[in-house]
Every structure is written in structure tokens, then in C-alpha cells.
Amino acid sequence: MADQNKKSTIKNKEVIVDLFCLWLALTALSCAAINLHLTLNKLEQKKEE
């Protein structure tokens, strides 16, 4: 029973780490998309001038 609890705890920690990595990757991707959007808007405004 103790071994099963240990494995469960290890799996839970791995899941938390995986979710954190996924959240970090999605945050970075979102920031990159926003940055690209703003940069393209600035380029478009320069062309209009």
C-alpha cells in the first residue's frame, strides 16, 4: 500500500510539472503572437505614412 501511495505521489508531481511546462509554453506562444501582431501593426502604419 505504501508503494502505491509513493507511485501516486510521484505521478502527481510529474503531472504538475507537465502542466506547468505546458502553461509556460502557451504563455510564451501567446506573448510571441501578441508581439508579432503589434510589430505588424507598426509596419503597416509606417507604410501608410
C-alpha atoms as a PDB file:
ATOM      1  CA  MET A   1       0.000   0.000   0.000  1.00  0.00           C
ATOM      2  CA  ALA A   2       2.838   2.403   0.816  1.00  0.00           C
ATOM      3  CA  ASP A   3       4.480   1.714  -2.565  1.00  0.00           C
ATOM      4  CA  GLN A   4       1.248   2.537  -4.345  1.00  0.00           C
ATOM      5  CA  ASN A   5       0.940   5.844  -2.486  1.00  0.00           C
ATOM      6  CA  LYS A   6       4.553   6.670  -3.364  1.00  0.00           C
ATOM      7  CA  LYS A   7       3.925   5.973  -7.055  1.00  0.00           C
ATOM      8  CA  SER A   8       0.761   8.032  -6.944  1.00  0.00           C
ATOM      9  CA  THR A   9       2.600  10.956  -5.369  1.00  0.00           C
ATOM     10  CA  ILE A  10       5.382  10.732  -7.967  1.00  0.00           C
ATOM     11  CA  LYS A  11       2.829  10.644 -10.802  1.00  0.00           C
ATOM     12  CA  ASN A  12       1.016  13.643  -9.329  1.00  0.00           C
ATOM     13  CA  LYS A  13       4.277  15.599  -9.175  1.00  0.00           C
ATOM     14  CA  GLU A  14       5.057  14.675 -12.775  1.00  0.00           C
ATOM     15  CA  VAL A  15       1.604  15.809 -13.861  1.00  0.00           C
ATOM     16  CA  ILE A  16       2.034  19.128 -12.061  1.00  0.00           C
ATOM     17  CA  VAL A  17       5.443  19.640 -13.686  1.00  0.00           C
ATOM     18  CA  ASP A  18       3.996  18.769 -17.107  1.00  0.00           C
ATOM     19  CA  LEU A  19       1.106  21.182 -16.626  1.00  0.00           C
ATOM     20  CA  PHE A  20       3.496  23.929 -15.553  1.00  0.00           C
ATOM     21  CA  CYS A  21       5.663  23.345 -18.640  1.00  0.00           C
ATOM     22  CA  LEU A  22       2.573  23.403 -20.849  1.00  0.00           C
ATOM     23  CA  TRP A  23       1.362  26.634 -19.226  1.00  0.00           C
ATOM     24  CA  LEU A  24       4.808  28.186 -19.690  1.00  0.00           C
ATOM     25  CA  ALA A  25       4.929  27.184 -23.349  1.00  0.00           C
ATOM     26  CA  LEU A  26       1.427  28.530 -24.011  1.00  0.00           C
ATOM     27  CA  THR A  27       2.278  31.792 -22.262  1.00  0.00           C
ATOM     28  CA  ALA A  28       5.423  32.189 -24.360  1.00  0.00           C
ATOM     29  CA  LEU A  29       3.469  31.413 -27.540  1.00  0.00           C
ATOM     30  CA  SER A  30       0.787  33.950 -26.630  1.00  0.00           C
ATOM     31  CA  CYS A  31       3.389  36.624 -25.925  1.00  0.00           C
ATOM     32  CA  ALA A  32       5.085  35.903 -29.245  1.00  0.00           C
ATOM     33  CA  ALA A  33       1.762  36.156 -31.094  1.00  0.00           C
ATOM     34  CA  ILE A  34       0.905  39.468 -29.415  1.00  0.00           C
ATOM     35  CA  ASN A  35       4.387  40.806 -30.161  1.00  0.00           C
ATOM     36  CA  LEU A  36       4.082  39.788 -33.811  1.00  0.00           C
ATOM     37  CA  HIS A  37       0.654  41.391 -34.061  1.00  0.00           C
ATOM     38  CA  LEU A  38       1.926  44.687 -32.617  1.00  0.00           C
ATOM     39  CA  THR A  39       5.002  44.651 -34.853  1.00  0.00           C
ATOM     40  CA  LEU A  40       2.916  44.070 -37.970  1.00  0.00           C
ATOM     41  CA  ASN A  41       0.591  46.909 -36.996  1.00  0.00           C
ATOM     42  CA  LYS A  42       3.574  49.245 -36.603  1.00  0.00           C
ATOM     43  CA  LEU A  43       4.913  48.217 -40.030  1.00  0.00           C
ATOM     44  CA  GLU A  44       1.507  48.786 -41.596  1.00  0.00           C
ATOM     45  CA  GLN A  45       1.288  52.262 -40.080  1.00  0.00           C
ATOM     46  CA  LYS A  46       4.733  53.151 -41.491  1.00  0.00           C
ATOM     47  CA  LYS A  47       3.637  52.096 -44.993  1.00  0.00           C
ATOM     48  CA  GLU A  48       0.566  54.325 -44.787  1.00  0.00           C
ATOM     49  CA  GLU A  49       2.649  57.413 -43.912  1.00  0.00           C
END
